[in-house]
């Protein structure tokens, strides 16, 4: 099982990971994203961005998208390693995981998609279900988007679909990490969330320009 998928599974089974280095009695500020919810959403959202980027890097013929998707995978693996290390998850460099940007990029195209529920390669009918206007995608919608991307042929339509899906995913990531960075209960996780924001902002700007260029 993918180490980050394992973390998400454990979060639904026990609250132990949610404690991390924060005192158990410390209250969650009113309106703040609880730590277990943050970890669960950040893990699932990160996997979505990582897997869509892996697919794009393997299939797209657009140099800008290939460069972007390569950087995206490196970003998401690095962020996952930081969270895993802090929460006691699998350490970076564990067997079966990339040891760093060099090893990751070298085997990027050959890396399998870790799509929950085995939806990779499934056929999803109808238009791509990417919410517009800032709404959050559900787990089912993420799975459908990943499946549809994996089933599409390379070309301009694929590139536009990837850009739209990744832009939505980054807007969700901004909301998730931004909320926890502002008022999360765990100081260490707040620092990690805050550190993720500059790259998220940069990638939103890059994706927005690619979307505008594609019309």
C-alpha atoms as a PDB file:
ATOM      1  CA  UNK A   1       0.000   0.000   0.000  1.00  0.00           C
ATOM      2  CA  UNK A   2       1.212   3.500  -0.830  1.00  0.00           C
ATOM      3  CA  UNK A   3       2.602   5.064   2.352  1.00  0.00           C
ATOM      4  CA  UNK A   4       0.323   8.092   2.120  1.00  0.00           C
ATOM      5  CA  UNK A   5      -2.728   5.983   1.401  1.00  0.00           C
ATOM      6  CA  UNK A   6      -1.790   4.005   4.498  1.00  0.00           C
ATOM      7  CA  UNK A   7      -1.675   7.220   6.522  1.00  0.00           C
ATOM      8  CA  UNK A   8      -5.150   8.171   5.325  1.00  0.00           C
ATOM      9  CA  UNK A   9      -6.468   4.722   6.260  1.00  0.00           C
ATOM     10  CA  UNK A  10      -4.964   4.928   9.721  1.00  0.00           C
ATOM     11  CA  UNK A  11      -6.482   8.366  10.261  1.00  0.00           C
ATOM     12  CA  UNK A  12      -9.964   6.953   9.803  1.00  0.00           C
ATOM     13  CA  UNK A  13      -9.288   4.082  12.204  1.00  0.00           C
ATOM     14  CA  UNK A  14      -7.617   5.878  15.109  1.00  0.00           C
ATOM     15  CA  UNK A  15      -7.055   9.363  16.464  1.00  0.00           C
ATOM     16  CA  UNK A  16      -3.523   8.531  17.598  1.00  0.00           C
ATOM     17  CA  UNK A  17      -1.830  10.224  14.643  1.00  0.00           C
ATOM     18  CA  UNK A  18      -3.850  13.361  15.225  1.00  0.00           C
ATOM     19  CA  UNK A  19      -2.107  14.011  18.531  1.00  0.00           C
ATOM     20  CA  UNK A  20       1.429  14.233  17.040  1.00  0.00           C
ATOM     21  CA  UNK A  21       3.447  16.530  19.322  1.00  0.00           C
ATOM     22  CA  UNK A  22       0.538  18.559  20.703  1.00  0.00           C
ATOM     23  CA  UNK A  23      -0.762  18.049  24.217  1.00  0.00           C
ATOM     24  CA  UNK A  24      -3.937  15.970  24.177  1.00  0.00           C
ATOM     25  CA  UNK A  25      -5.850  18.506  26.213  1.00  0.00           C
ATOM     26  CA  UNK A  26      -5.066  21.414  23.875  1.00  0.00           C
ATOM     27  CA  UNK A  27      -8.364  22.627  22.383  1.00  0.00           C
ATOM     28  CA  UNK A  28      -8.959  23.241  18.706  1.00  0.00           C
ATOM     29  CA  UNK A  29      -9.637  26.956  18.121  1.00  0.00           C
ATOM     30  CA  UNK A  30     -13.176  27.789  17.106  1.00  0.00           C
ATOM     31  CA  UNK A  31     -13.597  27.472  13.354  1.00  0.00           C
ATOM     32  CA  UNK A  32     -10.188  25.838  12.882  1.00  0.00           C
ATOM     33  CA  UNK A  33      -9.607  22.703  10.838  1.00  0.00           C
ATOM     34  CA  UNK A  34      -9.093  19.810  13.310  1.00  0.00           C
ATOM     35  CA  UNK A  35      -5.747  18.046  12.916  1.00  0.00           C
ATOM     36  CA  UNK A  36      -7.187  14.648  11.830  1.00  0.00           C
ATOM     37  CA  UNK A  37      -9.316  16.379   9.201  1.00  0.00           C
ATOM     38  CA  UNK A  38      -6.350  18.421   7.960  1.00  0.00           C
ATOM     39  CA  UNK A  39      -4.114  15.355   7.676  1.00  0.00           C
ATOM     40  CA  UNK A  40      -6.791  13.360   5.893  1.00  0.00           C
ATOM     41  CA  UNK A  41      -7.636  16.140   3.427  1.00  0.00           C
ATOM     42  CA  UNK A  42      -3.995  17.071   2.822  1.00  0.00           C
ATOM     43  CA  UNK A  43      -3.069  13.434   2.168  1.00  0.00           C
ATOM     44  CA  UNK A  44      -5.911  12.767  -0.258  1.00  0.00           C
ATOM     45  CA  UNK A  45      -5.485  16.102  -2.004  1.00  0.00           C
ATOM     46  CA  UNK A  46      -1.737  15.601  -2.314  1.00  0.00           C
ATOM     47  CA  UNK A  47      -2.190  12.147  -3.801  1.00  0.00           C
ATOM     48  CA  UNK A  48      -4.638  13.552  -6.328  1.00  0.00           C
ATOM     49  CA  UNK A  49      -2.179  16.221  -7.450  1.00  0.00           C
ATOM     50  CA  UNK A  50       0.724  13.772  -7.488  1.00  0.00           C
ATOM     51  CA  UNK A  51      -1.097  11.124  -9.522  1.00  0.00           C
ATOM     52  CA  UNK A  52      -2.563  13.512 -12.073  1.00  0.00           C
ATOM     53  CA  UNK A  53       0.929  14.973 -12.510  1.00  0.00           C
ATOM     54  CA  UNK A  54       2.478  11.523 -12.981  1.00  0.00           C
ATOM     55  CA  UNK A  55      -0.071  10.763 -15.678  1.00  0.00           C
ATOM     56  CA  UNK A  56       0.551  14.090 -17.412  1.00  0.00           C
ATOM     57  CA  UNK A  57       4.307  13.657 -17.340  1.00  0.00           C
ATOM     58  CA  UNK A  58       3.994  10.242 -18.952  1.00  0.00           C
ATOM     59  CA  UNK A  59       1.551  11.305 -21.677  1.00  0.00           C
ATOM     60  CA  UNK A  60       1.656  14.999 -22.491  1.00  0.00           C
ATOM     61  CA  UNK A  61       3.696  16.252 -25.425  1.00  0.00           C
ATOM     62  CA  UNK A  62       3.525  19.846 -24.155  1.00  0.00           C
ATOM     63  CA  UNK A  63       6.956  20.868 -22.765  1.00  0.00           C
ATOM     64  CA  UNK A  64       5.409  23.306 -20.259  1.00  0.00           C
ATOM     65  CA  UNK A  65       3.079  20.662 -18.879  1.00  0.00           C
ATOM     66  CA  UNK A  66       5.853  18.067 -18.693  1.00  0.00           C
ATOM     67  CA  UNK A  67       8.092  20.518 -16.808  1.00  0.00           C
ATOM     68  CA  UNK A  68       5.253  21.530 -14.498  1.00  0.00           C
ATOM     69  CA  UNK A  69       4.132  17.962 -13.795  1.00  0.00           C
ATOM     70  CA  UNK A  70       7.691  16.876 -12.959  1.00  0.00           C
ATOM     71  CA  UNK A  71       7.999  19.707 -10.431  1.00  0.00           C
ATOM     72  CA  UNK A  72       4.556  18.877  -9.027  1.00  0.00           C
ATOM     73  CA  UNK A  73       5.483  15.270  -8.263  1.00  0.00           C
ATOM     74  CA  UNK A  74       8.682  16.374  -6.540  1.00  0.00           C
ATOM     75  CA  UNK A  75       6.685  18.934  -4.510  1.00  0.00           C
ATOM     76  CA  UNK A  76       4.010  16.477  -3.389  1.00  0.00           C
ATOM     77  CA  UNK A  77       6.459  13.712  -2.441  1.00  0.00           C
ATOM     78  CA  UNK A  78       8.544  16.222  -0.482  1.00  0.00           C
ATOM     79  CA  UNK A  79       5.514  17.566   1.375  1.00  0.00           C
ATOM     80  CA  UNK A  80       4.285  14.046   2.121  1.00  0.00           C
ATOM     81  CA  UNK A  81       7.707  13.126   3.505  1.00  0.00           C
ATOM     82  CA  UNK A  82       7.631  16.135   5.837  1.00  0.00           C
ATOM     83  CA  UNK A  83       4.180  15.231   7.134  1.00  0.00           C
ATOM     84  CA  UNK A  84       5.032  11.531   7.449  1.00  0.00           C
ATOM     85  CA  UNK A  85       8.240  12.289   9.337  1.00  0.00           C
ATOM     86  CA  UNK A  86       6.473  14.629  11.748  1.00  0.00           C
ATOM     87  CA  UNK A  87       3.524  12.332  12.419  1.00  0.00           C
ATOM     88  CA  UNK A  88       5.615   9.188  12.691  1.00  0.00           C
ATOM     89  CA  UNK A  89       4.731   7.840   9.250  1.00  0.00           C
ATOM     90  CA  UNK A  90       7.160   6.105   6.913  1.00  0.00           C
ATOM     91  CA  UNK A  91      10.440   7.985   6.810  1.00  0.00           C
ATOM     92  CA  UNK A  92      11.783   9.357   3.533  1.00  0.00           C
ATOM     93  CA  UNK A  93      13.856   6.775   1.744  1.00  0.00           C
ATOM     94  CA  UNK A  94      11.895   3.803   3.094  1.00  0.00           C
ATOM     95  CA  UNK A  95      11.801   0.743   0.804  1.00  0.00           C
ATOM     96  CA  UNK A  96       9.499   1.303  -2.144  1.00  0.00           C
ATOM     97  CA  UNK A  97       9.439   5.089  -1.847  1.00  0.00           C
ATOM     98  CA  UNK A  98      11.478   7.671  -3.786  1.00  0.00           C
ATOM     99  CA  UNK A  99      14.624   8.669  -1.883  1.00  0.00           C
ATOM    100  CA  UNK A 100      14.680  12.223  -3.158  1.00  0.00           C
ATOM    101  CA  UNK A 101      14.206  14.408  -6.237  1.00  0.00           C
ATOM    102  CA  UNK A 102      17.000  12.684  -8.167  1.00  0.00           C
ATOM    103  CA  UNK A 103      15.662   9.183  -7.714  1.00  0.00           C
ATOM    104  CA  UNK A 104      12.095  10.363  -8.184  1.00  0.00           C
ATOM    105  CA  UNK A 105      12.682  12.165 -11.446  1.00  0.00           C
ATOM    106  CA  UNK A 106      14.798   9.362 -12.846  1.00  0.00           C
ATOM    107  CA  UNK A 107      11.945   6.881 -12.543  1.00  0.00           C
ATOM    108  CA  UNK A 108       9.049   9.281 -12.851  1.00  0.00           C
ATOM    109  CA  UNK A 109       7.484   7.958 -16.034  1.00  0.00           C
ATOM    110  CA  UNK A 110       7.708   4.327 -14.916  1.00  0.00           C
ATOM    111  CA  UNK A 111       6.142   4.984 -11.502  1.00  0.00           C
ATOM    112  CA  UNK A 112       2.659   3.455 -11.149  1.00  0.00           C
ATOM    113  CA  UNK A 113      -0.421   5.465 -10.301  1.00  0.00           C
ATOM    114  CA  UNK A 114      -1.481   4.817  -6.710  1.00  0.00           C
ATOM    115  CA  UNK A 115      -5.198   5.297  -7.323  1.00  0.00           C
ATOM    116  CA  UNK A 116      -7.404   4.238  -4.424  1.00  0.00           C
ATOM    117  CA  UNK A 117     -10.059   1.704  -5.224  1.00  0.00           C
ATOM    118  CA  UNK A 118      -8.361   0.439  -8.354  1.00  0.00           C
ATOM    119  CA  UNK A 119     -10.074   2.937 -10.629  1.00  0.00           C
ATOM    120  CA  UNK A 120      -7.034   3.459 -12.863  1.00  0.00           C
ATOM    121  CA  UNK A 121      -7.962   2.451 -16.361  1.00  0.00           C
ATOM    122  CA  UNK A 122     -11.696   2.420 -15.636  1.00  0.00           C
ATOM    123  CA  UNK A 123     -14.018   4.139 -18.082  1.00  0.00           C
ATOM    124  CA  UNK A 124     -15.893   7.153 -16.793  1.00  0.00           C
ATOM    125  CA  UNK A 125     -18.618   8.472 -19.055  1.00  0.00           C
ATOM    126  CA  UNK A 126     -19.710  12.060 -19.488  1.00  0.00           C
ATOM    127  CA  UNK A 127     -17.831  15.284 -18.980  1.00  0.00           C
ATOM    128  CA  UNK A 128     -15.028  15.593 -16.456  1.00  0.00           C
ATOM    129  CA  UNK A 129     -16.561  16.384 -13.087  1.00  0.00           C
ATOM    130  CA  UNK A 130     -14.308  19.194 -11.941  1.00  0.00           C
ATOM    131  CA  UNK A 131     -16.312  21.658  -9.819  1.00  0.00           C
ATOM    132  CA  UNK A 132     -16.003  25.278 -10.825  1.00  0.00           C
ATOM    133  CA  UNK A 133     -16.129  28.242  -8.491  1.00  0.00           C
ATOM    134  CA  UNK A 134     -13.955  26.883  -5.689  1.00  0.00           C
ATOM    135  CA  UNK A 135     -16.027  23.945  -4.423  1.00  0.00           C
ATOM    136  CA  UNK A 136     -14.236  20.932  -2.959  1.00  0.00           C
ATOM    137  CA  UNK A 137     -14.161  17.705  -4.965  1.00  0.00           C
ATOM    138  CA  UNK A 138     -15.309  14.561  -3.189  1.00  0.00           C
ATOM    139  CA  UNK A 139     -13.225  11.390  -2.995  1.00  0.00           C
ATOM    140  CA  UNK A 140     -15.442   9.866  -5.671  1.00  0.00           C
ATOM    141  CA  UNK A 141     -14.949  12.852  -7.971  1.00  0.00           C
ATOM    142  CA  UNK A 142     -11.171  12.678  -7.499  1.00  0.00           C
ATOM    143  CA  UNK A 143     -11.238   8.994  -8.437  1.00  0.00           C
ATOM    144  CA  UNK A 144     -13.369   9.715 -11.510  1.00  0.00           C
ATOM    145  CA  UNK A 145     -11.064  12.514 -12.648  1.00  0.00           C
ATOM    146  CA  UNK A 146      -7.990  10.304 -12.250  1.00  0.00           C
ATOM    147  CA  UNK A 147      -9.677   7.481 -14.128  1.00  0.00           C
ATOM    148  CA  UNK A 148     -10.780   9.729 -16.965  1.00  0.00           C
ATOM    149  CA  UNK A 149      -7.326  11.284 -17.331  1.00  0.00           C
ATOM    150  CA  UNK A 150      -5.682   7.858 -17.385  1.00  0.00           C
ATOM    151  CA  UNK A 151      -8.085   6.767 -20.122  1.00  0.00           C
ATOM    152  CA  UNK A 152      -7.625   9.828 -22.364  1.00  0.00           C
ATOM    153  CA  UNK A 153      -5.317   9.928 -25.370  1.00  0.00           C
ATOM    154  CA  UNK A 154      -2.516  12.531 -25.442  1.00  0.00           C
ATOM    155  CA  UNK A 155      -3.297  15.798 -27.160  1.00  0.00           C
ATOM    156  CA  UNK A 156      -4.646  19.312 -26.580  1.00  0.00           C
ATOM    157  CA  UNK A 157      -7.878  18.055 -24.991  1.00  0.00           C
ATOM    158  CA  UNK A 158      -5.923  15.924 -22.520  1.00  0.00           C
ATOM    159  CA  UNK A 159      -3.619  18.844 -21.699  1.00  0.00           C
ATOM    160  CA  UNK A 160      -6.563  21.194 -21.085  1.00  0.00           C
ATOM    161  CA  UNK A 161      -8.289  18.606 -18.904  1.00  0.00           C
ATOM    162  CA  UNK A 162      -5.158  18.081 -16.828  1.00  0.00           C
ATOM    163  CA  UNK A 163      -4.619  21.822 -16.355  1.00  0.00           C
ATOM    164  CA  UNK A 164      -8.228  22.340 -15.250  1.00  0.00           C
ATOM    165  CA  UNK A 165      -8.106  19.409 -12.817  1.00  0.00           C
ATOM    166  CA  UNK A 166      -4.745  20.422 -11.376  1.00  0.00           C
ATOM    167  CA  UNK A 167      -5.835  24.035 -10.972  1.00  0.00           C
ATOM    168  CA  UNK A 168      -8.912  22.918  -9.035  1.00  0.00           C
ATOM    169  CA  UNK A 169      -6.738  20.637  -6.894  1.00  0.00           C
ATOM    170  CA  UNK A 170      -4.326  23.454  -6.116  1.00  0.00           C
ATOM    171  CA  UNK A 171      -7.146  25.797  -5.142  1.00  0.00           C
ATOM    172  CA  UNK A 172      -8.378  23.139  -2.745  1.00  0.00           C
ATOM    173  CA  UNK A 173      -4.825  22.654  -1.425  1.00  0.00           C
ATOM    174  CA  UNK A 174      -4.577  26.402  -0.816  1.00  0.00           C
ATOM    175  CA  UNK A 175      -7.777  26.317   1.227  1.00  0.00           C
ATOM    176  CA  UNK A 176      -6.700  23.251   3.228  1.00  0.00           C
ATOM    177  CA  UNK A 177      -3.108  24.260   4.010  1.00  0.00           C
ATOM    178  CA  UNK A 178      -4.004  27.935   4.338  1.00  0.00           C
ATOM    179  CA  UNK A 179      -6.684  27.213   6.910  1.00  0.00           C
ATOM    180  CA  UNK A 180      -4.415  25.027   9.023  1.00  0.00           C
ATOM    181  CA  UNK A 181      -1.460  27.411   8.685  1.00  0.00           C
ATOM    182  CA  UNK A 182      -3.616  30.188  10.121  1.00  0.00           C
ATOM    183  CA  UNK A 183      -5.324  28.424  13.019  1.00  0.00           C
ATOM    184  CA  UNK A 184      -4.274  24.752  13.257  1.00  0.00           C
ATOM    185  CA  UNK A 185      -3.799  23.280  16.720  1.00  0.00           C
ATOM    186  CA  UNK A 186      -0.365  21.679  16.153  1.00  0.00           C
ATOM    187  CA  UNK A 187       2.535  24.187  15.897  1.00  0.00           C
ATOM    188  CA  UNK A 188       4.749  21.817  13.901  1.00  0.00           C
ATOM    189  CA  UNK A 189       2.049  21.003  11.380  1.00  0.00           C
ATOM    190  CA  UNK A 190       1.214  24.709  11.109  1.00  0.00           C
ATOM    191  CA  UNK A 191       4.821  25.334  10.061  1.00  0.00           C
ATOM    192  CA  UNK A 192       4.614  22.555   7.466  1.00  0.00           C
ATOM    193  CA  UNK A 193       1.317  23.911   6.139  1.00  0.00           C
ATOM    194  CA  UNK A 194       2.708  27.450   6.022  1.00  0.00           C
ATOM    195  CA  UNK A 195       5.789  26.228   4.177  1.00  0.00           C
ATOM    196  CA  UNK A 196       3.621  24.597   1.506  1.00  0.00           C
ATOM    197  CA  UNK A 197       1.824  27.825   0.586  1.00  0.00           C
ATOM    198  CA  UNK A 198       4.450  29.606  -1.581  1.00  0.00           C
ATOM    199  CA  UNK A 199       4.690  26.700  -4.047  1.00  0.00           C
ATOM    200  CA  UNK A 200       0.917  26.310  -4.113  1.00  0.00           C
ATOM    201  CA  UNK A 201       0.561  30.003  -5.011  1.00  0.00           C
ATOM    202  CA  UNK A 202       3.265  29.670  -7.669  1.00  0.00           C
ATOM    203  CA  UNK A 203       1.619  26.634  -9.228  1.00  0.00           C
ATOM    204  CA  UNK A 204      -1.797  28.289  -9.275  1.00  0.00           C
ATOM    205  CA  UNK A 205      -0.241  31.213 -11.172  1.00  0.00           C
ATOM    206  CA  UNK A 206       1.504  28.870 -13.630  1.00  0.00           C
ATOM    207  CA  UNK A 207      -1.626  26.788 -14.220  1.00  0.00           C
ATOM    208  CA  UNK A 208      -3.751  29.904 -14.654  1.00  0.00           C
ATOM    209  CA  UNK A 209      -1.391  31.139 -17.380  1.00  0.00           C
ATOM    210  CA  UNK A 210      -1.476  27.750 -19.123  1.00  0.00           C
ATOM    211  CA  UNK A 211      -5.271  27.731 -18.926  1.00  0.00           C
ATOM    212  CA  UNK A 212      -5.467  31.244 -20.407  1.00  0.00           C
ATOM    213  CA  UNK A 213      -3.026  30.342 -23.193  1.00  0.00           C
ATOM    214  CA  UNK A 214      -5.145  27.338 -24.129  1.00  0.00           C
ATOM    215  CA  UNK A 215      -8.250  29.552 -24.400  1.00  0.00           C
END
